[in-house]
């Protein structure tokens, strides 16, 4: 994926997340939607990480296409 495709994917995932949240505003979220929201959050984190990796490599004069999506367990283990 190039940067534009990643940004587009981030937008799609954010819209899905907001749509699910709006659908259950003020009520309990069904377990299947809680899991879907969690999956979306992880995928969003992976997309943002990939974009940051690509930008960092480009800024360092390296090939941004040499990065890859890191596993969810790695991304979710980062300290904020």
PDB file of N, CA and C in Angstrom:
ATOM      1  N   UNK A   1       0.836  -1.185   0.000  1.00  0.00           N
ATOM      2  CA  UNK A   1       0.000   0.000   0.000  1.00  0.00           C
ATOM      3  C   UNK A   1       0.876   1.241   0.000  1.00  0.00           C
ATOM      4  N   UNK A   2       0.448   2.245  -0.741  1.00  0.00           N
ATOM      5  CA  UNK A   2       1.154   3.520  -0.676  1.00  0.00           C
ATOM      6  C   UNK A   2       0.474   4.410   0.377  1.00  0.00           C
ATOM      7  N   UNK A   3       1.067   5.571   0.623  1.00  0.00           N
ATOM      8  CA  UNK A   3       0.542   6.455   1.673  1.00  0.00           C
ATOM      9  C   UNK A   3      -0.913   6.848   1.439  1.00  0.00           C
ATOM     10  N   UNK A   4      -1.257   7.168   0.205  1.00  0.00           N
ATOM     11  CA  UNK A   4      -2.639   7.566  -0.091  1.00  0.00           C
ATOM     12  C   UNK A   4      -3.624   6.433   0.190  1.00  0.00           C
ATOM     13  N   UNK A   5      -3.249   5.219  -0.150  1.00  0.00           N
ATOM     14  CA  UNK A   5      -4.117   4.070   0.109  1.00  0.00           C
ATOM     15  C   UNK A   5      -4.279   3.839   1.608  1.00  0.00           C
ATOM     16  N   UNK A   6      -3.206   4.035   2.353  1.00  0.00           N
ATOM     17  CA  UNK A   6      -3.272   3.863   3.811  1.00  0.00           C
ATOM     18  C   UNK A   6      -4.187   4.917   4.421  1.00  0.00           C
ATOM     19  N   UNK A   7      -4.023   6.164   3.999  1.00  0.00           N
ATOM     20  CA  UNK A   7      -4.874   7.252   4.516  1.00  0.00           C
ATOM     21  C   UNK A   7      -6.336   6.986   4.165  1.00  0.00           C
ATOM     22  N   UNK A   8      -6.584   6.513   2.954  1.00  0.00           N
ATOM     23  CA  UNK A   8      -7.951   6.181   2.541  1.00  0.00           C
ATOM     24  C   UNK A   8      -8.514   5.068   3.425  1.00  0.00           C
ATOM     25  N   UNK A   9      -7.714   4.047   3.701  1.00  0.00           N
ATOM     26  CA  UNK A   9      -8.157   2.932   4.552  1.00  0.00           C
ATOM     27  C   UNK A   9      -8.450   3.424   5.968  1.00  0.00           C
ATOM     28  N   UNK A  10      -7.620   4.318   6.470  1.00  0.00           N
ATOM     29  CA  UNK A  10      -7.857   4.891   7.799  1.00  0.00           C
ATOM     30  C   UNK A  10      -9.210   5.594   7.824  1.00  0.00           C
ATOM     31  N   UNK A  11      -9.517   6.349   6.787  1.00  0.00           N
ATOM     32  CA  UNK A  11     -10.809   7.040   6.699  1.00  0.00           C
ATOM     33  C   UNK A  11     -11.974   6.070   6.686  1.00  0.00           C
ATOM     34  N   UNK A  12     -11.839   4.997   5.918  1.00  0.00           N
ATOM     35  CA  UNK A  12     -12.901   3.981   5.862  1.00  0.00           C
ATOM     36  C   UNK A  12     -13.124   3.339   7.224  1.00  0.00           C
ATOM     37  N   UNK A  13     -12.035   2.976   7.891  1.00  0.00           N
ATOM     38  CA  UNK A  13     -12.146   2.337   9.202  1.00  0.00           C
ATOM     39  C   UNK A  13     -12.728   3.284  10.237  1.00  0.00           C
ATOM     40  N   UNK A  14     -12.318   4.540  10.191  1.00  0.00           N
ATOM     41  CA  UNK A  14     -12.859   5.527  11.133  1.00  0.00           C
ATOM     42  C   UNK A  14     -14.358   5.697  10.929  1.00  0.00           C
ATOM     43  N   UNK A  15     -14.802   5.700   9.679  1.00  0.00           N
ATOM     44  CA  UNK A  15     -16.228   5.819   9.397  1.00  0.00           C
ATOM     45  C   UNK A  15     -16.989   4.598   9.908  1.00  0.00           C
ATOM     46  N   UNK A  16     -16.426   3.413   9.724  1.00  0.00           N
ATOM     47  CA  UNK A  16     -17.060   2.199  10.249  1.00  0.00           C
ATOM     48  C   UNK A  16     -17.176   2.269  11.772  1.00  0.00           C
ATOM     49  N   UNK A  17     -16.112   2.716  12.411  1.00  0.00           N
ATOM     50  CA  UNK A  17     -16.099   2.838  13.870  1.00  0.00           C
ATOM     51  C   UNK A  17     -17.176   3.816  14.336  1.00  0.00           C
ATOM     52  N   UNK A  18     -17.233   4.971  13.705  1.00  0.00           N
ATOM     53  CA  UNK A  18     -18.231   5.975  14.090  1.00  0.00           C
ATOM     54  C   UNK A  18     -19.651   5.493  13.818  1.00  0.00           C
ATOM     55  N   UNK A  19     -19.827   4.797  12.732  1.00  0.00           N
ATOM     56  CA  UNK A  19     -21.146   4.267  12.390  1.00  0.00           C
ATOM     57  C   UNK A  19     -21.629   3.268  13.442  1.00  0.00           C
ATOM     58  N   UNK A  20     -20.752   2.369  13.860  1.00  0.00           N
ATOM     59  CA  UNK A  20     -21.119   1.407  14.910  1.00  0.00           C
ATOM     60  C   UNK A  20     -21.423   2.115  16.225  1.00  0.00           C
ATOM     61  N   UNK A  21     -20.618   3.106  16.557  1.00  0.00           N
ATOM     62  CA  UNK A  21     -20.840   3.839  17.801  1.00  0.00           C
ATOM     63  C   UNK A  21     -22.165   4.593  17.764  1.00  0.00           C
ATOM     64  N   UNK A  22     -22.475   5.219  16.625  1.00  0.00           N
ATOM     65  CA  UNK A  22     -23.752   5.945  16.490  1.00  0.00           C
ATOM     66  C   UNK A  22     -24.944   4.991  16.552  1.00  0.00           C
ATOM     67  N   UNK A  23     -24.782   3.810  15.994  1.00  0.00           N
ATOM     68  CA  UNK A  23     -25.877   2.842  15.955  1.00  0.00           C
ATOM     69  C   UNK A  23     -26.293   2.391  17.354  1.00  0.00           C
ATOM     70  N   UNK A  24     -25.383   2.503  18.306  1.00  0.00           N
ATOM     71  CA  UNK A  24     -25.680   2.032  19.661  1.00  0.00           C
ATOM     72  C   UNK A  24     -25.605   3.145  20.700  1.00  0.00           C
ATOM     73  N   UNK A  25     -25.737   4.375  20.271  1.00  0.00           N
ATOM     74  CA  UNK A  25     -25.666   5.508  21.191  1.00  0.00           C
ATOM     75  C   UNK A  25     -26.737   5.379  22.268  1.00  0.00           C
ATOM     76  N   UNK A  26     -26.307   5.447  23.506  1.00  0.00           N
ATOM     77  CA  UNK A  26     -27.236   5.417  24.623  1.00  0.00           C
ATOM     78  C   UNK A  26     -27.762   4.041  24.986  1.00  0.00           C
ATOM     79  N   UNK A  27     -27.223   3.003  24.376  1.00  0.00           N
ATOM     80  CA  UNK A  27     -27.672   1.640  24.709  1.00  0.00           C
ATOM     81  C   UNK A  27     -26.469   0.715  24.785  1.00  0.00           C
ATOM     82  N   UNK A  28     -26.710  -0.442  25.333  1.00  0.00           N
ATOM     83  CA  UNK A  28     -25.638  -1.424  25.456  1.00  0.00           C
ATOM     84  C   UNK A  28     -25.243  -1.947  24.071  1.00  0.00           C
ATOM     85  N   UNK A  29     -23.958  -2.058  23.860  1.00  0.00           N
ATOM     86  CA  UNK A  29     -23.446  -2.533  22.577  1.00  0.00           C
ATOM     87  C   UNK A  29     -23.390  -4.059  22.602  1.00  0.00           C
ATOM     88  N   UNK A  30     -24.007  -4.710  21.610  1.00  0.00           N
ATOM     89  CA  UNK A  30     -23.958  -6.166  21.551  1.00  0.00           C
ATOM     90  C   UNK A  30     -22.513  -6.671  21.471  1.00  0.00           C
ATOM     91  N   UNK A  31     -22.272  -7.836  22.015  1.00  0.00           N
ATOM     92  CA  UNK A  31     -20.934  -8.415  22.083  1.00  0.00           C
ATOM     93  C   UNK A  31     -20.270  -8.490  20.708  1.00  0.00           C
ATOM     94  N   UNK A  32     -21.026  -8.859  19.685  1.00  0.00           N
ATOM     95  CA  UNK A  32     -20.431  -8.961  18.344  1.00  0.00           C
ATOM     96  C   UNK A  32     -19.941  -7.604  17.839  1.00  0.00           C
ATOM     97  N   UNK A  33     -20.661  -6.530  18.197  1.00  0.00           N
ATOM     98  CA  UNK A  33     -20.236  -5.193  17.788  1.00  0.00           C
ATOM     99  C   UNK A  33     -19.065  -4.699  18.638  1.00  0.00           C
ATOM    100  N   UNK A  34     -19.019  -5.115  19.890  1.00  0.00           N
ATOM    101  CA  UNK A  34     -17.869  -4.779  20.734  1.00  0.00           C
ATOM    102  C   UNK A  34     -16.611  -5.393  20.118  1.00  0.00           C
ATOM    103  N   UNK A  35     -16.714  -6.639  19.696  1.00  0.00           N
ATOM    104  CA  UNK A  35     -15.578  -7.313  19.061  1.00  0.00           C
ATOM    105  C   UNK A  35     -15.219  -6.640  17.745  1.00  0.00           C
ATOM    106  N   UNK A  36     -16.204  -6.268  16.964  1.00  0.00           N
ATOM    107  CA  UNK A  36     -15.938  -5.584  15.690  1.00  0.00           C
ATOM    108  C   UNK A  36     -15.261  -4.234  15.933  1.00  0.00           C
ATOM    109  N   UNK A  37     -15.717  -3.491  16.937  1.00  0.00           N
ATOM    110  CA  UNK A  37     -15.076  -2.224  17.285  1.00  0.00           C
ATOM    111  C   UNK A  37     -13.623  -2.441  17.687  1.00  0.00           C
ATOM    112  N   UNK A  38     -13.381  -3.479  18.443  1.00  0.00           N
ATOM    113  CA  UNK A  38     -12.009  -3.803  18.866  1.00  0.00           C
ATOM    114  C   UNK A  38     -11.136  -4.120  17.653  1.00  0.00           C
ATOM    115  N   UNK A  39     -11.666  -4.896  16.715  1.00  0.00           N
ATOM    116  CA  UNK A  39     -10.918  -5.225  15.500  1.00  0.00           C
ATOM    117  C   UNK A  39     -10.604  -3.970  14.692  1.00  0.00           C
ATOM    118  N   UNK A  40     -11.576  -3.088  14.599  1.00  0.00           N
ATOM    119  CA  UNK A  40     -11.378  -1.838  13.868  1.00  0.00           C
ATOM    120  C   UNK A  40     -10.283  -1.004  14.533  1.00  0.00           C
ATOM    121  N   UNK A  41     -10.322  -0.912  15.865  1.00  0.00           N
ATOM    122  CA  UNK A  41      -9.311  -0.141  16.590  1.00  0.00           C
ATOM    123  C   UNK A  41      -7.908  -0.687  16.344  1.00  0.00           C
ATOM    124  N   UNK A  42      -7.762  -1.997  16.375  1.00  0.00           N
ATOM    125  CA  UNK A  42      -6.454  -2.618  16.143  1.00  0.00           C
ATOM    126  C   UNK A  42      -5.980  -2.356  14.716  1.00  0.00           C
ATOM    127  N   UNK A  43      -6.876  -2.518  13.759  1.00  0.00           N
ATOM    128  CA  UNK A  43      -6.506  -2.286  12.364  1.00  0.00           C
ATOM    129  C   UNK A  43      -6.152  -0.815  12.144  1.00  0.00           C
ATOM    130  N   UNK A  44      -6.884   0.089  12.774  1.00  0.00           N
ATOM    131  CA  UNK A  44      -6.541   1.513  12.691  1.00  0.00           C
ATOM    132  C   UNK A  44      -5.144   1.766  13.251  1.00  0.00           C
ATOM    133  N   UNK A  45      -4.851   1.179  14.400  1.00  0.00           N
ATOM    134  CA  UNK A  45      -3.525   1.334  14.998  1.00  0.00           C
ATOM    135  C   UNK A  45      -2.442   0.810  14.056  1.00  0.00           C
ATOM    136  N   UNK A  46      -2.709  -0.326  13.411  1.00  0.00           N
ATOM    137  CA  UNK A  46      -1.741  -0.889  12.473  1.00  0.00           C
ATOM    138  C   UNK A  46      -1.541   0.030  11.268  1.00  0.00           C
ATOM    139  N   UNK A  47      -2.616   0.595  10.769  1.00  0.00           N
ATOM    140  CA  UNK A  47      -2.519   1.505   9.626  1.00  0.00           C
ATOM    141  C   UNK A  47      -1.717   2.752   9.991  1.00  0.00           C
ATOM    142  N   UNK A  48      -2.012   3.337  11.146  1.00  0.00           N
ATOM    143  CA  UNK A  48      -1.275   4.522  11.573  1.00  0.00           C
ATOM    144  C   UNK A  48       0.199   4.192  11.768  1.00  0.00           C
ATOM    145  N   UNK A  49       0.498   3.041  12.346  1.00  0.00           N
ATOM    146  CA  UNK A  49       1.882   2.630  12.539  1.00  0.00           C
ATOM    147  C   UNK A  49       2.588   2.460  11.194  1.00  0.00           C
ATOM    148  N   UNK A  50       1.932   1.829  10.243  1.00  0.00           N
ATOM    149  CA  UNK A  50       2.508   1.632   8.926  1.00  0.00           C
ATOM    150  C   UNK A  50       2.800   2.982   8.260  1.00  0.00           C
ATOM    151  N   UNK A  51       1.862   3.906   8.371  1.00  0.00           N
ATOM    152  CA  UNK A  51       2.055   5.231   7.787  1.00  0.00           C
ATOM    153  C   UNK A  51       3.242   5.942   8.446  1.00  0.00           C
ATOM    154  N   UNK A  52       3.346   5.848   9.773  1.00  0.00           N
ATOM    155  CA  UNK A  52       4.480   6.468  10.469  1.00  0.00           C
ATOM    156  C   UNK A  52       5.804   5.822  10.053  1.00  0.00           C
ATOM    157  N   UNK A  53       5.806   4.492   9.920  1.00  0.00           N
ATOM    158  CA  UNK A  53       7.027   3.807   9.468  1.00  0.00           C
ATOM    159  C   UNK A  53       7.448   4.304   8.091  1.00  0.00           C
ATOM    160  N   UNK A  54       6.495   4.394   7.184  1.00  0.00           N
ATOM    161  CA  UNK A  54       6.790   4.829   5.813  1.00  0.00           C
ATOM    162  C   UNK A  54       7.331   6.260   5.801  1.00  0.00           C
ATOM    163  N   UNK A  55       6.710   7.130   6.565  1.00  0.00           N
ATOM    164  CA  UNK A  55       7.150   8.526   6.612  1.00  0.00           C
ATOM    165  C   UNK A  55       8.543   8.637   7.232  1.00  0.00           C
ATOM    166  N   UNK A  56       8.809   7.855   8.253  1.00  0.00           N
ATOM    167  CA  UNK A  56      10.122   7.889   8.901  1.00  0.00           C
ATOM    168  C   UNK A  56      11.209   7.400   7.943  1.00  0.00           C
ATOM    169  N   UNK A  57      10.930   6.329   7.221  1.00  0.00           N
ATOM    170  CA  UNK A  57      11.917   5.820   6.261  1.00  0.00           C
ATOM    171  C   UNK A  57      12.154   6.829   5.147  1.00  0.00           C
ATOM    172  N   UNK A  58      11.094   7.437   4.672  1.00  0.00           N
ATOM    173  CA  UNK A  58      11.235   8.437   3.609  1.00  0.00           C
ATOM    174  C   UNK A  58      12.074   9.619   4.110  1.00  0.00           C
ATOM    175  N   UNK A  59      11.803  10.081   5.331  1.00  0.00           N
ATOM    176  CA  UNK A  59      12.548  11.200   5.905  1.00  0.00           C
ATOM    177  C   UNK A  59      14.021  10.859   6.102  1.00  0.00           C
ATOM    178  N   UNK A  60      14.307   9.578   6.313  1.00  0.00           N
ATOM    179  CA  UNK A  60      15.693   9.132   6.502  1.00  0.00           C
ATOM    180  C   UNK A  60      16.376   8.810   5.179  1.00  0.00           C
ATOM    181  N   UNK A  61      15.663   8.993   4.077  1.00  0.00           N
ATOM    182  CA  UNK A  61      16.232   8.716   2.773  1.00  0.00           C
ATOM    183  C   UNK A  61      16.187   7.249   2.382  1.00  0.00           C
ATOM    184  N   UNK A  62      15.391   6.465   3.109  1.00  0.00           N
ATOM    185  CA  UNK A  62      15.266   5.031   2.835  1.00  0.00           C
ATOM    186  C   UNK A  62      13.979   4.759   2.057  1.00  0.00           C
ATOM    187  N   UNK A  63      13.858   3.568   1.547  1.00  0.00           N
ATOM    188  CA  UNK A  63      12.704   3.158   0.749  1.00  0.00           C
ATOM    189  C   UNK A  63      11.504   2.860   1.661  1.00  0.00           C
ATOM    190  N   UNK A  64      10.436   3.637   1.548  1.00  0.00           N
ATOM    191  CA  UNK A  64       9.264   3.401   2.406  1.00  0.00           C
ATOM    192  C   UNK A  64       8.542   2.091   2.085  1.00  0.00           C
ATOM    193  N   UNK A  65       8.794   1.538   0.916  1.00  0.00           N
ATOM    194  CA  UNK A  65       8.128   0.283   0.542  1.00  0.00           C
ATOM    195  C   UNK A  65       8.740  -0.937   1.220  1.00  0.00           C
ATOM    196  N   UNK A  66       9.814  -0.731   1.964  1.00  0.00           N
ATOM    197  CA  UNK A  66      10.457  -1.851   2.653  1.00  0.00           C
ATOM    198  C   UNK A  66       9.878  -2.118   4.040  1.00  0.00           C
ATOM    199  N   UNK A  67       8.835  -1.400   4.417  1.00  0.00           N
ATOM    200  CA  UNK A  67       8.196  -1.634   5.715  1.00  0.00           C
ATOM    201  C   UNK A  67       7.011  -2.566   5.528  1.00  0.00           C
ATOM    202  N   UNK A  68       6.551  -3.134   6.615  1.00  0.00           N
ATOM    203  CA  UNK A  68       5.386  -4.010   6.557  1.00  0.00           C
ATOM    204  C   UNK A  68       4.515  -3.775   7.785  1.00  0.00           C
ATOM    205  N   UNK A  69       3.302  -4.268   7.695  1.00  0.00           N
ATOM    206  CA  UNK A  69       2.360  -4.141   8.812  1.00  0.00           C
ATOM    207  C   UNK A  69       2.876  -4.992   9.965  1.00  0.00           C
ATOM    208  N   UNK A  70       2.958  -4.394  11.122  1.00  0.00           N
ATOM    209  CA  UNK A  70       3.407  -5.130  12.304  1.00  0.00           C
ATOM    210  C   UNK A  70       2.221  -5.901  12.892  1.00  0.00           C
ATOM    211  N   UNK A  71       2.490  -7.031  13.516  1.00  0.00           N
ATOM    212  CA  UNK A  71       1.412  -7.823  14.122  1.00  0.00           C
ATOM    213  C   UNK A  71       0.672  -7.026  15.200  1.00  0.00           C
ATOM    214  N   UNK A  72      -0.586  -7.352  15.366  1.00  0.00           N
ATOM    215  CA  UNK A  72      -1.420  -6.667  16.360  1.00  0.00           C
ATOM    216  C   UNK A  72      -0.812  -6.738  17.749  1.00  0.00           C
ATOM    217  N   UNK A  73      -0.238  -7.870  18.099  1.00  0.00           N
ATOM    218  CA  UNK A  73       0.337  -8.031  19.438  1.00  0.00           C
ATOM    219  C   UNK A  73       1.477  -7.034  19.661  1.00  0.00           C
ATOM    220  N   UNK A  74       2.210  -6.691  18.628  1.00  0.00           N
ATOM    221  CA  UNK A  74       3.283  -5.702  18.736  1.00  0.00           C
ATOM    222  C   UNK A  74       2.692  -4.307  18.875  1.00  0.00           C
ATOM    223  N   UNK A  75       1.777  -3.978  17.991  1.00  0.00           N
ATOM    224  CA  UNK A  75       1.171  -2.639  17.987  1.00  0.00           C
ATOM    225  C   UNK A  75       0.450  -2.360  19.295  1.00  0.00           C
ATOM    226  N   UNK A  76      -0.301  -3.316  19.773  1.00  0.00           N
ATOM    227  CA  UNK A  76      -1.094  -3.100  20.976  1.00  0.00           C
ATOM    228  C   UNK A  76      -0.224  -3.134  22.241  1.00  0.00           C
ATOM    229  N   UNK A  77       1.011  -3.570  22.103  1.00  0.00           N
ATOM    230  CA  UNK A  77       1.929  -3.595  23.238  1.00  0.00           C
ATOM    231  C   UNK A  77       2.687  -2.289  23.433  1.00  0.00           C
ATOM    232  N   UNK A  78       2.557  -1.350  22.482  1.00  0.00           N
ATOM    233  CA  UNK A  78       3.258  -0.074  22.596  1.00  0.00           C
ATOM    234  C   UNK A  78       2.719   0.708  23.767  1.00  0.00           C
ATOM    235  N   UNK A  79       3.606   1.403  24.429  1.00  0.00           N
ATOM    236  CA  UNK A  79       3.180   2.308  25.499  1.00  0.00           C
ATOM    237  C   UNK A  79       2.818   3.640  24.897  1.00  0.00           C
ATOM    238  N   UNK A  80       1.736   4.203  25.357  1.00  0.00           N
ATOM    239  CA  UNK A  80       1.273   5.499  24.850  1.00  0.00           C
ATOM    240  C   UNK A  80       1.938   6.631  25.564  1.00  0.00           C
TER     241      UNK A  80
END
